[in-house]
Amino acid sequence: MKKILIICLFLCSAWGIAMAQSSKVVKVVRAETFTLKNTNNEFDLRAVGKVVVRECEGDVIRCEVRITGYGESKAQATERTQNIVATSIAGYPNSTPCVVVEMQRGLYSPKKCEVVTTVYVPATVTCQVNDNSNMLDLLKRAAEKMFSR
């Protein structure tokens, strides 16, 4: 009886390991590029995820956003990449050019979606980077729930 129990436990553990290894993680990558004019030697970036700032030649600011979504299916990974929205606000003659990379809903989690923003700026441009982790949205929703009761 003891041998049968050991064989059953071995088969169950082998089946569990096989099931854990068979669940593949699907990865979907989406990229966006923005090219902005250097209007007043300033650039403002509000982004979630990792930000890399590099120096470039010329007088043009280039911002590349690479969004990688992970999921159990291609549809789920694609949906997670679509949850990240990157928008560009072009600089007018006296305003600062800006790029905003934010999540439409939820909080940023690198396990579900990874965002890498690379900014190429001329040496004369000062680059201000703000972490946009949607904390204001979280506080706003919490306040709405509290006051709606």
N, C-alpha and C. Protein backbone atom coordinates (compact mmCIF):
# COMPACT_ATOMS: atom_id res chain seq x y z
N MET A 1 0.82 -1.19 0.00
CA MET A 1 0.00 0.00 0.00
C MET A 1 0.87 1.26 0.00
N LYS A 2 1.97 1.19 0.73
CA LYS A 2 2.87 2.32 0.81
C LYS A 2 3.49 2.62 -0.55
N LYS A 3 3.84 1.58 -1.30
CA LYS A 3 4.44 1.75 -2.63
C LYS A 3 3.44 2.38 -3.60
N ILE A 4 2.20 1.99 -3.51
CA ILE A 4 1.16 2.54 -4.39
C ILE A 4 0.97 4.02 -4.10
N LEU A 5 0.97 4.38 -2.83
CA LEU A 5 0.83 5.78 -2.44
C LEU A 5 2.01 6.61 -2.94
N ILE A 6 3.22 6.08 -2.84
CA ILE A 6 4.40 6.79 -3.32
C ILE A 6 4.35 6.95 -4.84
N ILE A 7 3.93 5.92 -5.55
CA ILE A 7 3.81 6.01 -7.02
C ILE A 7 2.76 7.05 -7.40
N CYS A 8 1.62 7.08 -6.70
CA CYS A 8 0.57 8.08 -6.98
C CYS A 8 1.08 9.50 -6.72
N LEU A 9 1.80 9.70 -5.62
CA LEU A 9 2.36 11.02 -5.34
C LEU A 9 3.37 11.43 -6.40
N PHE A 10 4.20 10.51 -6.85
CA PHE A 10 5.18 10.81 -7.89
C PHE A 10 4.48 11.19 -9.19
N LEU A 11 3.44 10.45 -9.58
CA LEU A 11 2.72 10.77 -10.82
C LEU A 11 2.01 12.12 -10.72
N CYS A 12 1.42 12.40 -9.56
CA CYS A 12 0.74 13.69 -9.40
C CYS A 12 1.72 14.86 -9.44
N SER A 13 2.88 14.70 -8.81
CA SER A 13 3.86 15.79 -8.84
C SER A 13 4.43 15.96 -10.25
N ALA A 14 4.64 14.88 -10.98
CA ALA A 14 5.14 14.98 -12.35
C ALA A 14 4.10 15.66 -13.24
N TRP A 15 2.83 15.34 -13.04
CA TRP A 15 1.77 15.98 -13.83
C TRP A 15 1.70 17.47 -13.52
N GLY A 16 1.86 17.86 -12.23
CA GLY A 16 1.85 19.27 -11.85
C GLY A 16 3.02 20.04 -12.44
N ILE A 17 4.19 19.42 -12.46
CA ILE A 17 5.36 20.07 -13.06
C ILE A 17 5.16 20.24 -14.56
N ALA A 18 4.61 19.22 -15.22
CA ALA A 18 4.36 19.32 -16.66
C ALA A 18 3.36 20.41 -16.98
N MET A 19 2.32 20.55 -16.15
CA MET A 19 1.32 21.60 -16.38
C MET A 19 1.93 22.99 -16.16
N ALA A 20 2.79 23.11 -15.16
CA ALA A 20 3.41 24.41 -14.89
C ALA A 20 4.35 24.81 -16.02
N GLN A 21 5.05 23.85 -16.60
CA GLN A 21 5.97 24.16 -17.69
C GLN A 21 5.26 24.40 -19.01
N SER A 22 4.05 23.87 -19.16
CA SER A 22 3.35 24.03 -20.43
C SER A 22 2.66 25.39 -20.55
N SER A 23 2.48 26.11 -19.45
CA SER A 23 1.84 27.42 -19.54
C SER A 23 2.88 28.43 -20.03
N LYS A 24 2.80 28.77 -21.29
CA LYS A 24 3.76 29.68 -21.90
C LYS A 24 3.30 31.12 -21.74
N VAL A 25 4.26 32.00 -21.63
CA VAL A 25 3.97 33.42 -21.55
C VAL A 25 4.13 34.00 -22.96
N VAL A 26 3.07 34.62 -23.44
CA VAL A 26 3.08 35.24 -24.76
C VAL A 26 3.51 36.69 -24.61
N LYS A 27 4.35 37.15 -25.53
CA LYS A 27 4.88 38.52 -25.47
C LYS A 27 4.49 39.26 -26.75
N VAL A 28 3.94 40.47 -26.59
CA VAL A 28 3.59 41.33 -27.72
C VAL A 28 4.30 42.67 -27.53
N VAL A 29 4.95 43.16 -28.60
CA VAL A 29 5.72 44.41 -28.52
C VAL A 29 5.08 45.44 -29.44
N ARG A 30 4.93 46.65 -28.90
CA ARG A 30 4.43 47.79 -29.68
C ARG A 30 5.39 48.95 -29.46
N ALA A 31 5.72 49.67 -30.52
CA ALA A 31 6.65 50.79 -30.41
C ALA A 31 6.05 52.05 -31.03
N GLU A 32 6.35 53.18 -30.41
CA GLU A 32 5.93 54.48 -30.94
C GLU A 32 7.11 55.43 -30.89
N THR A 33 7.22 56.30 -31.89
CA THR A 33 8.31 57.26 -31.96
C THR A 33 7.73 58.66 -32.16
N PHE A 34 8.27 59.61 -31.41
CA PHE A 34 7.86 61.01 -31.52
C PHE A 34 9.09 61.85 -31.83
N THR A 35 8.97 62.76 -32.77
CA THR A 35 10.03 63.70 -33.10
C THR A 35 9.50 65.10 -32.86
N LEU A 36 10.19 65.85 -31.99
CA LEU A 36 9.73 67.18 -31.60
C LEU A 36 10.81 68.21 -31.88
N LYS A 37 10.39 69.43 -32.18
CA LYS A 37 11.33 70.53 -32.38
C LYS A 37 11.82 71.05 -31.04
N ASN A 38 13.05 71.45 -31.01
CA ASN A 38 13.61 72.08 -29.82
C ASN A 38 13.22 73.56 -29.86
N THR A 39 12.20 73.94 -29.08
CA THR A 39 11.71 75.32 -29.15
C THR A 39 12.38 76.24 -28.14
N ASN A 40 12.58 75.77 -26.90
CA ASN A 40 13.16 76.66 -25.90
C ASN A 40 14.18 75.94 -25.00
N ASN A 41 14.87 74.96 -25.56
CA ASN A 41 15.91 74.20 -24.87
C ASN A 41 15.42 73.51 -23.60
N GLU A 42 14.15 73.09 -23.59
CA GLU A 42 13.59 72.34 -22.49
C GLU A 42 12.74 71.21 -23.05
N PHE A 43 12.67 70.10 -22.31
CA PHE A 43 11.83 68.98 -22.69
C PHE A 43 11.25 68.36 -21.43
N ASP A 44 9.95 68.07 -21.44
CA ASP A 44 9.25 67.52 -20.28
C ASP A 44 8.76 66.12 -20.64
N LEU A 45 9.09 65.14 -19.81
CA LEU A 45 8.65 63.76 -20.04
C LEU A 45 7.95 63.26 -18.80
N ARG A 46 6.71 62.79 -18.97
CA ARG A 46 5.95 62.15 -17.89
C ARG A 46 5.70 60.73 -18.33
N ALA A 47 6.35 59.77 -17.66
CA ALA A 47 6.30 58.40 -18.16
C ALA A 47 6.22 57.38 -17.04
N VAL A 48 5.61 56.22 -17.35
CA VAL A 48 5.66 55.07 -16.47
C VAL A 48 6.78 54.16 -16.97
N GLY A 49 7.31 53.35 -16.09
CA GLY A 49 8.34 52.39 -16.48
C GLY A 49 9.74 52.97 -16.46
N LYS A 50 10.60 52.36 -17.24
CA LYS A 50 12.01 52.74 -17.29
C LYS A 50 12.23 53.87 -18.30
N VAL A 51 13.06 54.85 -17.92
CA VAL A 51 13.37 55.97 -18.80
C VAL A 51 14.88 56.02 -19.02
N VAL A 52 15.29 56.10 -20.29
CA VAL A 52 16.70 56.21 -20.66
C VAL A 52 16.87 57.52 -21.43
N VAL A 53 17.79 58.37 -20.96
CA VAL A 53 18.05 59.65 -21.62
C VAL A 53 19.43 59.57 -22.27
N ARG A 54 19.48 59.87 -23.56
CA ARG A 54 20.74 59.84 -24.31
C ARG A 54 20.94 61.16 -25.04
N GLU A 55 22.19 61.47 -25.30
CA GLU A 55 22.53 62.70 -26.02
C GLU A 55 22.58 62.41 -27.51
N CYS A 56 22.15 63.39 -28.32
CA CYS A 56 22.16 63.21 -29.77
C CYS A 56 22.69 64.47 -30.45
N GLU A 57 22.97 64.35 -31.71
CA GLU A 57 23.42 65.48 -32.52
C GLU A 57 22.21 66.18 -33.12
N GLY A 58 22.37 67.39 -33.53
CA GLY A 58 21.30 68.13 -34.18
C GLY A 58 20.45 68.91 -33.19
N ASP A 59 19.31 69.39 -33.66
CA ASP A 59 18.44 70.22 -32.83
C ASP A 59 17.03 69.64 -32.75
N VAL A 60 16.92 68.31 -32.84
CA VAL A 60 15.63 67.64 -32.81
C VAL A 60 15.60 66.69 -31.62
N ILE A 61 14.49 66.67 -30.91
CA ILE A 61 14.29 65.76 -29.78
C ILE A 61 13.51 64.56 -30.29
N ARG A 62 14.06 63.36 -30.07
CA ARG A 62 13.38 62.14 -30.50
C ARG A 62 13.08 61.28 -29.27
N CYS A 63 11.86 60.80 -29.19
CA CYS A 63 11.41 59.99 -28.06
C CYS A 63 10.85 58.68 -28.59
N GLU A 64 11.44 57.56 -28.15
CA GLU A 64 10.99 56.23 -28.58
C GLU A 64 10.40 55.50 -27.38
N VAL A 65 9.17 55.03 -27.53
CA VAL A 65 8.48 54.31 -26.46
C VAL A 65 8.30 52.86 -26.93
N ARG A 66 8.85 51.92 -26.15
CA ARG A 66 8.73 50.49 -26.47
C ARG A 66 7.90 49.84 -25.37
N ILE A 67 6.73 49.31 -25.76
CA ILE A 67 5.78 48.73 -24.81
C ILE A 67 5.73 47.22 -25.07
N THR A 68 6.02 46.43 -24.05
CA THR A 68 5.99 44.97 -24.15
C THR A 68 4.93 44.45 -23.20
N GLY A 69 3.94 43.77 -23.75
CA GLY A 69 2.87 43.19 -22.94
C GLY A 69 3.04 41.70 -22.80
N TYR A 70 2.77 41.18 -21.61
CA TYR A 70 2.87 39.75 -21.33
C TYR A 70 1.50 39.22 -20.96
N GLY A 71 1.21 37.99 -21.39
CA GLY A 71 -0.07 37.39 -21.05
C GLY A 71 -0.09 35.91 -21.37
N GLU A 72 -1.19 35.26 -21.01
CA GLU A 72 -1.34 33.84 -21.28
C GLU A 72 -1.76 33.59 -22.73
N SER A 73 -2.32 34.62 -23.38
CA SER A 73 -2.70 34.51 -24.78
C SER A 73 -2.25 35.78 -25.50
N LYS A 74 -2.27 35.72 -26.82
CA LYS A 74 -1.87 36.89 -27.60
C LYS A 74 -2.86 38.04 -27.41
N ALA A 75 -4.14 37.71 -27.28
CA ALA A 75 -5.16 38.75 -27.07
C ALA A 75 -4.95 39.47 -25.74
N GLN A 76 -4.61 38.71 -24.69
CA GLN A 76 -4.39 39.34 -23.38
C GLN A 76 -3.14 40.22 -23.40
N ALA A 77 -2.08 39.75 -24.05
CA ALA A 77 -0.85 40.54 -24.13
C ALA A 77 -1.07 41.80 -24.96
N THR A 78 -1.84 41.70 -26.04
CA THR A 78 -2.14 42.86 -26.87
C THR A 78 -2.99 43.86 -26.10
N GLU A 79 -3.94 43.38 -25.33
CA GLU A 79 -4.79 44.27 -24.52
C GLU A 79 -3.95 45.03 -23.49
N ARG A 80 -2.96 44.37 -22.93
CA ARG A 80 -2.11 45.04 -21.95
C ARG A 80 -1.23 46.10 -22.60
N THR A 81 -0.82 45.89 -23.85
CA THR A 81 -0.05 46.94 -24.53
C THR A 81 -0.95 48.11 -24.92
N GLN A 82 -2.21 47.83 -25.23
CA GLN A 82 -3.15 48.90 -25.59
C GLN A 82 -3.55 49.73 -24.39
N ASN A 83 -3.32 49.22 -23.17
CA ASN A 83 -3.65 49.96 -21.95
C ASN A 83 -2.68 51.13 -21.73
N ILE A 84 -1.51 51.10 -22.38
CA ILE A 84 -0.52 52.18 -22.28
C ILE A 84 -0.75 53.14 -23.44
N VAL A 85 -0.89 54.42 -23.13
CA VAL A 85 -1.12 55.44 -24.15
C VAL A 85 0.03 56.44 -24.12
N ALA A 86 0.62 56.68 -25.28
CA ALA A 86 1.70 57.67 -25.40
C ALA A 86 1.20 58.80 -26.28
N THR A 87 1.28 60.03 -25.76
CA THR A 87 0.84 61.20 -26.52
C THR A 87 1.94 62.25 -26.50
N SER A 88 1.96 63.04 -27.55
CA SER A 88 2.95 64.10 -27.69
C SER A 88 2.26 65.44 -27.71
N ILE A 89 2.82 66.37 -26.95
CA ILE A 89 2.31 67.74 -26.96
C ILE A 89 3.42 68.59 -27.55
N ALA A 90 3.24 69.01 -28.79
CA ALA A 90 4.29 69.76 -29.48
C ALA A 90 4.46 71.13 -28.84
N GLY A 91 5.69 71.56 -28.83
CA GLY A 91 5.99 72.86 -28.24
C GLY A 91 5.64 74.00 -29.17
N TYR A 92 4.91 74.95 -28.66
CA TYR A 92 4.64 76.16 -29.42
C TYR A 92 5.82 77.10 -29.25
N PRO A 93 5.88 78.23 -29.91
CA PRO A 93 7.08 79.07 -29.84
C PRO A 93 7.58 79.36 -28.43
N ASN A 94 6.71 79.50 -27.45
CA ASN A 94 7.17 79.82 -26.10
C ASN A 94 6.82 78.73 -25.08
N SER A 95 6.48 77.52 -25.54
CA SER A 95 6.12 76.47 -24.59
C SER A 95 7.10 75.30 -24.68
N THR A 96 7.05 74.45 -23.69
CA THR A 96 7.95 73.31 -23.60
C THR A 96 7.33 72.11 -24.30
N PRO A 97 8.07 71.44 -25.21
CA PRO A 97 7.55 70.21 -25.80
C PRO A 97 7.45 69.12 -24.73
N CYS A 98 6.44 68.27 -24.84
CA CYS A 98 6.15 67.30 -23.79
C CYS A 98 5.68 65.98 -24.40
N VAL A 99 6.07 64.87 -23.77
CA VAL A 99 5.56 63.54 -24.12
C VAL A 99 5.03 62.92 -22.83
N VAL A 100 3.80 62.37 -22.91
CA VAL A 100 3.16 61.76 -21.75
C VAL A 100 2.90 60.29 -22.08
N VAL A 101 3.44 59.39 -21.25
CA VAL A 101 3.23 57.95 -21.39
C VAL A 101 2.52 57.52 -20.11
N GLU A 102 1.26 57.09 -20.24
CA GLU A 102 0.48 56.76 -19.05
C GLU A 102 -0.40 55.54 -19.27
N MET A 103 -0.86 54.98 -18.16
CA MET A 103 -1.79 53.85 -18.21
C MET A 103 -3.21 54.40 -18.20
N GLN A 104 -4.07 53.80 -19.01
CA GLN A 104 -5.46 54.25 -19.03
C GLN A 104 -6.19 53.84 -17.77
N ARG A 105 -5.95 52.63 -17.30
CA ARG A 105 -6.60 52.16 -16.08
C ARG A 105 -5.65 51.19 -15.36
N GLY A 106 -5.75 51.18 -14.05
CA GLY A 106 -4.92 50.29 -13.25
C GLY A 106 -3.57 50.91 -12.94
N LEU A 107 -2.74 50.14 -12.23
CA LEU A 107 -1.41 50.58 -11.88
C LEU A 107 -0.39 49.84 -12.72
N TYR A 108 0.75 50.46 -12.90
CA TYR A 108 1.82 49.89 -13.71
C TYR A 108 2.44 48.68 -13.00
N SER A 109 2.52 47.56 -13.71
CA SER A 109 3.14 46.35 -13.18
C SER A 109 4.07 45.77 -14.25
N PRO A 110 5.38 45.73 -14.00
CA PRO A 110 6.31 45.19 -15.00
C PRO A 110 6.08 43.71 -15.32
N LYS A 111 5.36 42.99 -14.46
CA LYS A 111 5.06 41.59 -14.75
C LYS A 111 4.03 41.46 -15.87
N LYS A 112 3.14 42.45 -15.98
CA LYS A 112 2.10 42.41 -17.00
C LYS A 112 2.48 43.19 -18.24
N CYS A 113 3.16 44.30 -18.06
CA CYS A 113 3.50 45.17 -19.18
C CYS A 113 4.75 45.95 -18.82
N GLU A 114 5.73 45.93 -19.70
CA GLU A 114 6.99 46.63 -19.45
C GLU A 114 7.12 47.78 -20.44
N VAL A 115 7.43 48.97 -19.92
CA VAL A 115 7.54 50.15 -20.77
C VAL A 115 8.96 50.71 -20.63
N VAL A 116 9.62 50.91 -21.79
CA VAL A 116 10.95 51.52 -21.82
C VAL A 116 10.87 52.73 -22.74
N THR A 117 11.14 53.91 -22.20
CA THR A 117 11.11 55.14 -22.97
C THR A 117 12.54 55.65 -23.12
N THR A 118 12.99 55.78 -24.37
CA THR A 118 14.32 56.28 -24.66
C THR A 118 14.19 57.66 -25.29
N VAL A 119 14.87 58.65 -24.69
CA VAL A 119 14.79 60.02 -25.16
C VAL A 119 16.17 60.44 -25.66
N TYR A 120 16.22 60.93 -26.89
CA TYR A 120 17.45 61.45 -27.48
C TYR A 120 17.33 62.97 -27.53
N VAL A 121 18.11 63.65 -26.71
CA VAL A 121 18.05 65.10 -26.64
C VAL A 121 19.40 65.71 -26.96
N PRO A 122 19.43 66.90 -27.59
CA PRO A 122 20.69 67.61 -27.80
C PRO A 122 21.31 68.02 -26.47
N ALA A 123 22.60 68.28 -26.49
CA ALA A 123 23.33 68.62 -25.26
C ALA A 123 22.83 69.92 -24.63
N THR A 124 22.24 70.82 -25.41
CA THR A 124 21.80 72.11 -24.89
C THR A 124 20.43 72.05 -24.22
N VAL A 125 19.72 70.94 -24.35
CA VAL A 125 18.36 70.82 -23.84
C VAL A 125 18.37 70.24 -22.43
N THR A 126 17.62 70.87 -21.52
CA THR A 126 17.43 70.30 -20.19
C THR A 126 16.18 69.42 -20.22
N CYS A 127 16.34 68.21 -19.73
CA CYS A 127 15.26 67.23 -19.79
C CYS A 127 14.72 66.99 -18.39
N GLN A 128 13.42 67.22 -18.19
CA GLN A 128 12.78 66.99 -16.90
C GLN A 128 11.95 65.72 -17.01
N VAL A 129 12.23 64.73 -16.15
CA VAL A 129 11.53 63.46 -16.17
C VAL A 129 10.70 63.33 -14.90
N ASN A 130 9.39 63.09 -15.07
CA ASN A 130 8.48 62.89 -13.95
C ASN A 130 7.91 61.49 -14.03
N ASP A 131 7.92 60.79 -12.90
CA ASP A 131 7.35 59.45 -12.85
C ASP A 131 5.83 59.57 -12.82
N ASN A 132 5.17 59.00 -13.81
CA ASN A 132 3.72 59.09 -13.92
C ASN A 132 3.13 57.73 -13.55
N SER A 133 3.11 57.42 -12.26
CA SER A 133 2.65 56.10 -11.83
C SER A 133 1.15 56.09 -11.51
N ASN A 134 0.44 57.07 -11.99
CA ASN A 134 -1.02 57.16 -11.84
C ASN A 134 -1.47 57.22 -10.38
N MET A 135 -0.65 57.79 -9.51
CA MET A 135 -1.03 57.91 -8.11
C MET A 135 -2.20 58.87 -7.94
N LEU A 136 -2.24 59.92 -8.76
CA LEU A 136 -3.36 60.86 -8.66
C LEU A 136 -4.67 60.20 -9.05
N ASP A 137 -4.64 59.34 -10.10
CA ASP A 137 -5.86 58.61 -10.47
C ASP A 137 -6.31 57.70 -9.35
N LEU A 138 -5.36 57.03 -8.71
CA LEU A 138 -5.69 56.13 -7.62
C LEU A 138 -6.33 56.90 -6.46
N LEU A 139 -5.76 58.04 -6.09
CA LEU A 139 -6.33 58.84 -5.01
C LEU A 139 -7.70 59.42 -5.39
N LYS A 140 -7.85 59.82 -6.66
CA LYS A 140 -9.12 60.38 -7.12
C LYS A 140 -10.23 59.32 -7.04
N ARG A 141 -9.92 58.09 -7.48
CA ARG A 141 -10.93 57.03 -7.42
C ARG A 141 -11.27 56.67 -5.98
N ALA A 142 -10.26 56.67 -5.10
CA ALA A 142 -10.52 56.37 -3.69
C ALA A 142 -11.43 57.45 -3.08
N ALA A 143 -11.18 58.72 -3.41
CA ALA A 143 -12.00 59.81 -2.90
C ALA A 143 -13.43 59.71 -3.44
N GLU A 144 -13.57 59.37 -4.72
CA GLU A 144 -14.91 59.22 -5.31
C GLU A 144 -15.69 58.10 -4.61
N LYS A 145 -15.02 56.99 -4.30
CA LYS A 145 -15.70 55.89 -3.62
C LYS A 145 -16.12 56.30 -2.21
N MET A 146 -15.26 57.04 -1.52
CA MET A 146 -15.57 57.45 -0.16
C MET A 146 -16.75 58.41 -0.13
N PHE A 147 -16.77 59.39 -1.05
CA PHE A 147 -17.81 60.41 -1.02
C PHE A 147 -19.09 59.99 -1.72
N SER A 148 -19.08 58.90 -2.47
CA SER A 148 -20.28 58.47 -3.16
C SER A 148 -21.22 57.69 -2.23
N ARG A 149 -20.72 57.30 -1.06
CA ARG A 149 -21.55 56.54 -0.12
C ARG A 149 -22.45 57.43 0.70
